[in-house]
Amino acid sequence: MALLEVDDVTVRFGGIVALQGLSFEIERGQICGLIGPNGAGKTTMFNVVSRVYQPTDGHVRFDGADLLGVQAHAVVKRGIARTF
């Protein structure tokens, strides 16, 4: 089972689609990066995983548990953090 599962995530800000149908999995112990040009949705994806943004559609699971029902301040207790 993947440690982080992002399944068909879409984020819309009014008429702007920041992410559309994004899916990926990260296995325990795997190191990966997220790259792309400005405006590709990288920060939006990190904001979804860290619970700053609620996706319009899709699912995010961490260690098998649904992250979208977790409040932003409680995500750190599950082992997810971000810096600026």
PDB file of N, CA and C in Angstrom:
ATOM      1  N   MET A   1       0.845  -1.186   0.000  1.00  0.00           N
ATOM      2  CA  MET A   1       0.000   0.000   0.000  1.00  0.00           C
ATOM      3  C   MET A   1       0.889   1.248   0.000  1.00  0.00           C
ATOM      4  N   ALA A   2       0.506   2.228  -0.787  1.00  0.00           N
ATOM      5  CA  ALA A   2       1.250   3.485  -0.887  1.00  0.00           C
ATOM      6  C   ALA A   2       1.088   4.293   0.393  1.00  0.00           C
ATOM      7  N   LEU A   3       2.121   5.042   0.754  1.00  0.00           N
ATOM      8  CA  LEU A   3       2.048   5.911   1.923  1.00  0.00           C
ATOM      9  C   LEU A   3       1.168   7.125   1.627  1.00  0.00           C
ATOM     10  N   LEU A   4       1.347   7.736   0.451  1.00  0.00           N
ATOM     11  CA  LEU A   4       0.532   8.869   0.033  1.00  0.00           C
ATOM     12  C   LEU A   4      -0.133   8.518  -1.292  1.00  0.00           C
ATOM     13  N   GLU A   5      -1.448   8.622  -1.322  1.00  0.00           N
ATOM     14  CA  GLU A   5      -2.220   8.353  -2.539  1.00  0.00           C
ATOM     15  C   GLU A   5      -3.033   9.598  -2.886  1.00  0.00           C
ATOM     16  N   VAL A   6      -2.818  10.118  -4.056  1.00  0.00           N
ATOM     17  CA  VAL A   6      -3.593  11.243  -4.581  1.00  0.00           C
ATOM     18  C   VAL A   6      -4.358  10.685  -5.767  1.00  0.00           C
ATOM     19  N   ASP A   7      -5.678  10.742  -5.696  1.00  0.00           N
ATOM     20  CA  ASP A   7      -6.515  10.077  -6.688  1.00  0.00           C
ATOM     21  C   ASP A   7      -7.484  11.058  -7.337  1.00  0.00           C
ATOM     22  N   ASP A   8      -7.223  11.385  -8.600  1.00  0.00           N
ATOM     23  CA  ASP A   8      -8.130  12.178  -9.426  1.00  0.00           C
ATOM     24  C   ASP A   8      -8.481  13.536  -8.794  1.00  0.00           C
ATOM     25  N   VAL A   9      -7.487  14.221  -8.261  1.00  0.00           N
ATOM     26  CA  VAL A   9      -7.710  15.496  -7.566  1.00  0.00           C
ATOM     27  C   VAL A   9      -7.865  16.638  -8.566  1.00  0.00           C
ATOM     28  N   THR A  10      -8.911  17.402  -8.361  1.00  0.00           N
ATOM     29  CA  THR A  10      -9.182  18.603  -9.142  1.00  0.00           C
ATOM     30  C   THR A  10      -9.395  19.750  -8.166  1.00  0.00           C
ATOM     31  N   VAL A  11      -8.822  20.903  -8.478  1.00  0.00           N
ATOM     32  CA  VAL A  11      -9.016  22.106  -7.669  1.00  0.00           C
ATOM     33  C   VAL A  11      -9.403  23.234  -8.613  1.00  0.00           C
ATOM     34  N   ARG A  12     -10.532  23.853  -8.311  1.00  0.00           N
ATOM     35  CA  ARG A  12     -11.005  24.994  -9.095  1.00  0.00           C
ATOM     36  C   ARG A  12     -11.113  26.207  -8.184  1.00  0.00           C
ATOM     37  N   PHE A  13     -10.706  27.339  -8.703  1.00  0.00           N
ATOM     38  CA  PHE A  13     -10.898  28.624  -8.040  1.00  0.00           C
ATOM     39  C   PHE A  13     -11.807  29.427  -8.950  1.00  0.00           C
ATOM     40  N   GLY A  14     -13.099  29.337  -8.711  1.00  0.00           N
ATOM     41  CA  GLY A  14     -14.057  29.956  -9.620  1.00  0.00           C
ATOM     42  C   GLY A  14     -13.942  29.307 -10.985  1.00  0.00           C
ATOM     43  N   GLY A  15     -13.647  30.096 -12.018  1.00  0.00           N
ATOM     44  CA  GLY A  15     -13.509  29.565 -13.370  1.00  0.00           C
ATOM     45  C   GLY A  15     -12.111  29.072 -13.705  1.00  0.00           C
ATOM     46  N   ILE A  16     -11.176  29.204 -12.772  1.00  0.00           N
ATOM     47  CA  ILE A  16      -9.796  28.780 -13.005  1.00  0.00           C
ATOM     48  C   ILE A  16      -9.611  27.360 -12.492  1.00  0.00           C
ATOM     49  N   VAL A  17      -9.110  26.473 -13.343  1.00  0.00           N
ATOM     50  CA  VAL A  17      -8.808  25.101 -12.944  1.00  0.00           C
ATOM     51  C   VAL A  17      -7.311  25.025 -12.664  1.00  0.00           C
ATOM     52  N   ALA A  18      -6.963  24.875 -11.381  1.00  0.00           N
ATOM     53  CA  ALA A  18      -5.557  24.835 -10.981  1.00  0.00           C
ATOM     54  C   ALA A  18      -4.983  23.428 -11.113  1.00  0.00           C
ATOM     55  N   LEU A  19      -5.778  22.421 -10.803  1.00  0.00           N
ATOM     56  CA  LEU A  19      -5.408  21.006 -10.967  1.00  0.00           C
ATOM     57  C   LEU A  19      -6.594  20.284 -11.565  1.00  0.00           C
ATOM     58  N   GLN A  20      -6.325  19.350 -12.458  1.00  0.00           N
ATOM     59  CA  GLN A  20      -7.425  18.596 -13.049  1.00  0.00           C
ATOM     60  C   GLN A  20      -7.039  17.128 -13.162  1.00  0.00           C
ATOM     61  N   GLY A  21      -7.711  16.300 -12.376  1.00  0.00           N
ATOM     62  CA  GLY A  21      -7.548  14.858 -12.469  1.00  0.00           C
ATOM     63  C   GLY A  21      -6.161  14.346 -12.109  1.00  0.00           C
ATOM     64  N   LEU A  22      -5.488  15.000 -11.174  1.00  0.00           N
ATOM     65  CA  LEU A  22      -4.134  14.601 -10.792  1.00  0.00           C
ATOM     66  C   LEU A  22      -4.163  13.349  -9.926  1.00  0.00           C
ATOM     67  N   SER A  23      -3.374  12.346 -10.313  1.00  0.00           N
ATOM     68  CA  SER A  23      -3.261  11.110  -9.546  1.00  0.00           C
ATOM     69  C   SER A  23      -1.804  10.683  -9.480  1.00  0.00           C
ATOM     70  N   PHE A  24      -1.368  10.245  -8.292  1.00  0.00           N
ATOM     71  CA  PHE A  24      -0.047   9.646  -8.130  1.00  0.00           C
ATOM     72  C   PHE A  24      -0.006   8.927  -6.784  1.00  0.00           C
ATOM     73  N   GLU A  25       0.991   8.067  -6.633  1.00  0.00           N
ATOM     74  CA  GLU A  25       1.208   7.357  -5.377  1.00  0.00           C
ATOM     75  C   GLU A  25       2.675   7.455  -5.011  1.00  0.00           C
ATOM     76  N   ILE A  26       2.945   7.557  -3.719  1.00  0.00           N
ATOM     77  CA  ILE A  26       4.309   7.556  -3.213  1.00  0.00           C
ATOM     78  C   ILE A  26       4.406   6.429  -2.189  1.00  0.00           C
ATOM     79  N   GLU A  27       5.327   5.512  -2.420  1.00  0.00           N
ATOM     80  CA  GLU A  27       5.507   4.372  -1.531  1.00  0.00           C
ATOM     81  C   GLU A  27       6.335   4.775  -0.319  1.00  0.00           C
ATOM     82  N   ARG A  28       6.159   4.060   0.771  1.00  0.00           N
ATOM     83  CA  ARG A  28       6.953   4.276   1.985  1.00  0.00           C
ATOM     84  C   ARG A  28       8.439   4.138   1.647  1.00  0.00           C
ATOM     85  N   GLY A  29       9.266   5.087   2.073  1.00  0.00           N
ATOM     86  CA  GLY A  29      10.695   5.065   1.814  1.00  0.00           C
ATOM     87  C   GLY A  29      11.107   5.663   0.482  1.00  0.00           C
ATOM     88  N   GLN A  30      10.158   5.977  -0.367  1.00  0.00           N
ATOM     89  CA  GLN A  30      10.444   6.553  -1.675  1.00  0.00           C
ATOM     90  C   GLN A  30      10.670   8.056  -1.539  1.00  0.00           C
ATOM     91  N   ILE A  31      11.615   8.573  -2.286  1.00  0.00           N
ATOM     92  CA  ILE A  31      11.843  10.012  -2.357  1.00  0.00           C
ATOM     93  C   ILE A  31      11.447  10.457  -3.753  1.00  0.00           C
ATOM     94  N   CYS A  32      10.632  11.505  -3.833  1.00  0.00           N
ATOM     95  CA  CYS A  32      10.220  11.987  -5.155  1.00  0.00           C
ATOM     96  C   CYS A  32      10.146  13.506  -5.121  1.00  0.00           C
ATOM     97  N   GLY A  33      10.073  14.084  -6.274  1.00  0.00           N
ATOM     98  CA  GLY A  33       9.967  15.524  -6.410  1.00  0.00           C
ATOM     99  C   GLY A  33       8.795  15.884  -7.300  1.00  0.00           C
ATOM    100  N   LEU A  34       8.346  17.098  -7.185  1.00  0.00           N
ATOM    101  CA  LEU A  34       7.256  17.598  -8.014  1.00  0.00           C
ATOM    102  C   LEU A  34       7.808  18.803  -8.770  1.00  0.00           C
ATOM    103  N   ILE A  35       7.906  18.666 -10.081  1.00  0.00           N
ATOM    104  CA  ILE A  35       8.475  19.733 -10.892  1.00  0.00           C
ATOM    105  C   ILE A  35       7.484  20.164 -11.962  1.00  0.00           C
ATOM    106  N   GLY A  36       7.667  21.354 -12.468  1.00  0.00           N
ATOM    107  CA  GLY A  36       6.826  21.863 -13.542  1.00  0.00           C
ATOM    108  C   GLY A  36       7.000  23.365 -13.663  1.00  0.00           C
ATOM    109  N   PRO A  37       6.497  23.929 -14.737  1.00  0.00           N
ATOM    110  CA  PRO A  37       6.633  25.374 -14.946  1.00  0.00           C
ATOM    111  C   PRO A  37       5.754  26.168 -13.981  1.00  0.00           C
ATOM    112  N   ASN A  38       6.018  27.461 -13.902  1.00  0.00           N
ATOM    113  CA  ASN A  38       5.166  28.341 -13.101  1.00  0.00           C
ATOM    114  C   ASN A  38       3.719  28.188 -13.553  1.00  0.00           C
ATOM    115  N   GLY A  39       2.825  28.102 -12.572  1.00  0.00           N
ATOM    116  CA  GLY A  39       1.404  27.980 -12.886  1.00  0.00           C
ATOM    117  C   GLY A  39       0.940  26.563 -13.148  1.00  0.00           C
ATOM    118  N   ALA A  40       1.809  25.576 -12.958  1.00  0.00           N
ATOM    119  CA  ALA A  40       1.446  24.184 -13.239  1.00  0.00           C
ATOM    120  C   ALA A  40       0.611  23.551 -12.136  1.00  0.00           C
ATOM    121  N   GLY A  41       0.582  24.152 -10.937  1.00  0.00           N
ATOM    122  CA  GLY A  41      -0.227  23.609  -9.851  1.00  0.00           C
ATOM    123  C   GLY A  41       0.574  22.954  -8.735  1.00  0.00           C
ATOM    124  N   LYS A  42       1.879  23.121  -8.728  1.00  0.00           N
ATOM    125  CA  LYS A  42       2.723  22.492  -7.698  1.00  0.00           C
ATOM    126  C   LYS A  42       2.337  22.961  -6.296  1.00  0.00           C
ATOM    127  N   THR A  43       2.276  24.245  -6.094  1.00  0.00           N
ATOM    128  CA  THR A  43       1.920  24.785  -4.778  1.00  0.00           C
ATOM    129  C   THR A  43       0.501  24.408  -4.407  1.00  0.00           C
ATOM    130  N   THR A  44      -0.392  24.415  -5.363  1.00  0.00           N
ATOM    131  CA  THR A  44      -1.769  24.009  -5.099  1.00  0.00           C
ATOM    132  C   THR A  44      -1.807  22.573  -4.597  1.00  0.00           C
ATOM    133  N   MET A  45      -1.008  21.683  -5.203  1.00  0.00           N
ATOM    134  CA  MET A  45      -0.983  20.296  -4.762  1.00  0.00           C
ATOM    135  C   MET A  45      -0.472  20.176  -3.336  1.00  0.00           C
ATOM    136  N   PHE A  46       0.608  20.900  -3.009  1.00  0.00           N
ATOM    137  CA  PHE A  46       1.115  20.877  -1.638  1.00  0.00           C
ATOM    138  C   PHE A  46       0.071  21.438  -0.669  1.00  0.00           C
ATOM    139  N   ASN A  47      -0.669  22.451  -1.086  1.00  0.00           N
ATOM    140  CA  ASN A  47      -1.713  23.015  -0.233  1.00  0.00           C
ATOM    141  C   ASN A  47      -2.874  22.044  -0.027  1.00  0.00           C
ATOM    142  N   VAL A  48      -3.162  21.210  -0.993  1.00  0.00           N
ATOM    143  CA  VAL A  48      -4.200  20.186  -0.823  1.00  0.00           C
ATOM    144  C   VAL A  48      -3.727  19.132   0.174  1.00  0.00           C
ATOM    145  N   VAL A  49      -2.507  18.632  -0.012  1.00  0.00           N
ATOM    146  CA  VAL A  49      -1.990  17.583   0.876  1.00  0.00           C
ATOM    147  C   VAL A  49      -1.839  18.095   2.305  1.00  0.00           C
ATOM    148  N   SER A  50      -1.431  19.342   2.476  1.00  0.00           N
ATOM    149  CA  SER A  50      -1.267  19.893   3.823  1.00  0.00           C
ATOM    150  C   SER A  50      -2.577  20.455   4.380  1.00  0.00           C
ATOM    151  N   ARG A  51      -3.665  20.363   3.623  1.00  0.00           N
ATOM    152  CA  ARG A  51      -5.028  20.705   4.025  1.00  0.00           C
ATOM    153  C   ARG A  51      -5.291  22.200   4.111  1.00  0.00           C
ATOM    154  N   VAL A  52      -4.474  22.983   3.422  1.00  0.00           N
ATOM    155  CA  VAL A  52      -4.760  24.412   3.315  1.00  0.00           C
ATOM    156  C   VAL A  52      -5.929  24.611   2.351  1.00  0.00           C
ATOM    157  N   TYR A  53      -5.962  23.812   1.271  1.00  0.00           N
ATOM    158  CA  TYR A  53      -7.049  23.858   0.289  1.00  0.00           C
ATOM    159  C   TYR A  53      -7.844  22.565   0.330  1.00  0.00           C
ATOM    160  N   GLN A  54      -9.131  22.688   0.086  1.00  0.00           N
ATOM    161  CA  GLN A  54     -10.014  21.538  -0.080  1.00  0.00           C
ATOM    162  C   GLN A  54     -10.189  21.329  -1.590  1.00  0.00           C
ATOM    163  N   PRO A  55      -9.878  20.136  -2.105  1.00  0.00           N
ATOM    164  CA  PRO A  55     -10.049  19.932  -3.543  1.00  0.00           C
ATOM    165  C   PRO A  55     -11.516  19.930  -3.935  1.00  0.00           C
ATOM    166  N   THR A  56     -11.776  20.313  -5.158  1.00  0.00           N
ATOM    167  CA  THR A  56     -13.126  20.291  -5.698  1.00  0.00           C
ATOM    168  C   THR A  56     -13.592  18.851  -5.893  1.00  0.00           C
ATOM    169  N   ASP A  57     -12.694  17.995  -6.348  1.00  0.00           N
ATOM    170  CA  ASP A  57     -12.974  16.574  -6.562  1.00  0.00           C
ATOM    171  C   ASP A  57     -11.725  15.779  -6.193  1.00  0.00           C
ATOM    172  N   GLY A  58     -11.913  14.489  -5.982  1.00  0.00           N
ATOM    173  CA  GLY A  58     -10.798  13.584  -5.767  1.00  0.00           C
ATOM    174  C   GLY A  58     -10.618  13.182  -4.316  1.00  0.00           C
ATOM    175  N   HIS A  59      -9.587  12.378  -4.089  1.00  0.00           N
ATOM    176  CA  HIS A  59      -9.306  11.821  -2.770  1.00  0.00           C
ATOM    177  C   HIS A  59      -7.815  11.910  -2.484  1.00  0.00           C
ATOM    178  N   VAL A  60      -7.484  12.089  -1.209  1.00  0.00           N
ATOM    179  CA  VAL A  60      -6.095  12.066  -0.758  1.00  0.00           C
ATOM    180  C   VAL A  60      -6.050  11.167   0.471  1.00  0.00           C
ATOM    181  N   ARG A  61      -5.180  10.155   0.417  1.00  0.00           N
ATOM    182  CA  ARG A  61      -5.020   9.240   1.550  1.00  0.00           C
ATOM    183  C   ARG A  61      -3.564   9.243   1.988  1.00  0.00           C
ATOM    184  N   PHE A  62      -3.361   9.212   3.302  1.00  0.00           N
ATOM    185  CA  PHE A  62      -2.022   9.122   3.862  1.00  0.00           C
ATOM    186  C   PHE A  62      -2.008   7.947   4.821  1.00  0.00           C
ATOM    187  N   ASP A  63      -1.133   6.999   4.549  1.00  0.00           N
ATOM    188  CA  ASP A  63      -1.022   5.788   5.358  1.00  0.00           C
ATOM    189  C   ASP A  63      -2.370   5.086   5.468  1.00  0.00           C
ATOM    190  N   GLY A  64      -3.122   5.096   4.369  1.00  0.00           N
ATOM    191  CA  GLY A  64      -4.408   4.404   4.292  1.00  0.00           C
ATOM    192  C   GLY A  64      -5.605   5.174   4.798  1.00  0.00           C
ATOM    193  N   ALA A  65      -5.391   6.310   5.449  1.00  0.00           N
ATOM    194  CA  ALA A  65      -6.488   7.092   6.017  1.00  0.00           C
ATOM    195  C   ALA A  65      -6.805   8.302   5.135  1.00  0.00           C
ATOM    196  N   ASP A  66      -8.093   8.617   5.044  1.00  0.00           N
ATOM    197  CA  ASP A  66      -8.543   9.773   4.270  1.00  0.00           C
ATOM    198  C   ASP A  66      -8.037  11.055   4.916  1.00  0.00           C
ATOM    199  N   LEU A  67      -7.300  11.855   4.159  1.00  0.00           N
ATOM    200  CA  LEU A  67      -6.780  13.117   4.689  1.00  0.00           C
ATOM    201  C   LEU A  67      -7.776  14.255   4.570  1.00  0.00           C
ATOM    202  N   LEU A  68      -8.734  14.142   3.677  1.00  0.00           N
ATOM    203  CA  LEU A  68      -9.621  15.271   3.412  1.00  0.00           C
ATOM    204  C   LEU A  68     -10.594  15.536   4.553  1.00  0.00           C
ATOM    205  N   GLY A  69     -10.731  14.589   5.470  1.00  0.00           N
ATOM    206  CA  GLY A  69     -11.566  14.805   6.642  1.00  0.00           C
ATOM    207  C   GLY A  69     -10.790  15.327   7.834  1.00  0.00           C
ATOM    208  N   VAL A  70      -9.487  15.509   7.664  1.00  0.00           N
ATOM    209  CA  VAL A  70      -8.615  15.960   8.749  1.00  0.00           C
ATOM    210  C   VAL A  70      -8.455  17.473   8.663  1.00  0.00           C
ATOM    211  N   GLN A  71      -8.558  18.152   9.796  1.00  0.00           N
ATOM    212  CA  GLN A  71      -8.374  19.596   9.813  1.00  0.00           C
ATOM    213  C   GLN A  71      -6.903  19.931   9.592  1.00  0.00           C
ATOM    214  N   ALA A  72      -6.651  21.096   9.034  1.00  0.00           N
ATOM    215  CA  ALA A  72      -5.299  21.494   8.661  1.00  0.00           C
ATOM    216  C   ALA A  72      -4.319  21.419   9.829  1.00  0.00           C
ATOM    217  N   HIS A  73      -4.736  21.838  11.007  1.00  0.00           N
ATOM    218  CA  HIS A  73      -3.811  21.837  12.149  1.00  0.00           C
ATOM    219  C   HIS A  73      -3.489  20.422  12.639  1.00  0.00           C
ATOM    220  N   ALA A  74      -4.300  19.436  12.281  1.00  0.00           N
ATOM    221  CA  ALA A  74      -4.095  18.060  12.736  1.00  0.00           C
ATOM    222  C   ALA A  74      -3.249  17.235  11.770  1.00  0.00           C
ATOM    223  N   VAL A  75      -2.957  17.764  10.593  1.00  0.00           N
ATOM    224  CA  VAL A  75      -2.184  17.020   9.601  1.00  0.00           C
ATOM    225  C   VAL A  75      -0.754  16.783  10.091  1.00  0.00           C
ATOM    226  N   VAL A  76      -0.201  17.714  10.819  1.00  0.00           N
ATOM    227  CA  VAL A  76       1.177  17.585  11.313  1.00  0.00           C
ATOM    228  C   VAL A  76       1.304  16.356  12.216  1.00  0.00           C
ATOM    229  N   LYS A  77       0.303  16.071  13.007  1.00  0.00           N
ATOM    230  CA  LYS A  77       0.335  14.903  13.895  1.00  0.00           C
ATOM    231  C   LYS A  77       0.420  13.595  13.114  1.00  0.00           C
ATOM    232  N   ARG A  78       0.024  13.641  11.860  1.00  0.00           N
ATOM    233  CA  ARG A  78       0.083  12.440  11.014  1.00  0.00           C
ATOM    234  C   ARG A  78       1.408  12.326  10.269  1.00  0.00           C
ATOM    235  N   GLY A  79       2.257  13.334  10.407  1.00  0.00           N
ATOM    236  CA  GLY A  79       3.581  13.272   9.793  1.00  0.00           C
ATOM    237  C   GLY A  79       3.732  14.085   8.524  1.00  0.00           C
ATOM    238  N   ILE A  80       2.817  15.009   8.267  1.00  0.00           N
ATOM    239  CA  ILE A  80       2.885  15.834   7.064  1.00  0.00           C
ATOM    240  C   ILE A  80       3.141  17.278   7.478  1.00  0.00           C
ATOM    241  N   ALA A  81       4.152  17.892   6.872  1.00  0.00           N
ATOM    242  CA  ALA A  81       4.445  19.295   7.149  1.00  0.00           C
ATOM    243  C   ALA A  81       5.008  19.919   5.881  1.00  0.00           C
ATOM    244  N   ARG A  82       4.950  21.226   5.816  1.00  0.00           N
ATOM    245  CA  ARG A  82       5.524  21.950   4.680  1.00  0.00           C
ATOM    246  C   ARG A  82       6.184  23.221   5.169  1.00  0.00           C
ATOM    247  N   THR A  83       7.102  23.723   4.376  1.00  0.00           N
ATOM    248  CA  THR A  83       7.751  24.984   4.687  1.00  0.00           C
ATOM    249  C   THR A  83       7.655  25.889   3.475  1.00  0.00           C
ATOM    250  N   PHE A  84       7.917  27.145   3.672  1.00  0.00           N
ATOM    251  CA  PHE A  84       7.899  28.110   2.588  1.00  0.00           C
ATOM    252  C   PHE A  84       9.304  28.556   2.271  1.00  0.00           C
TER     253      PHE A  84
END
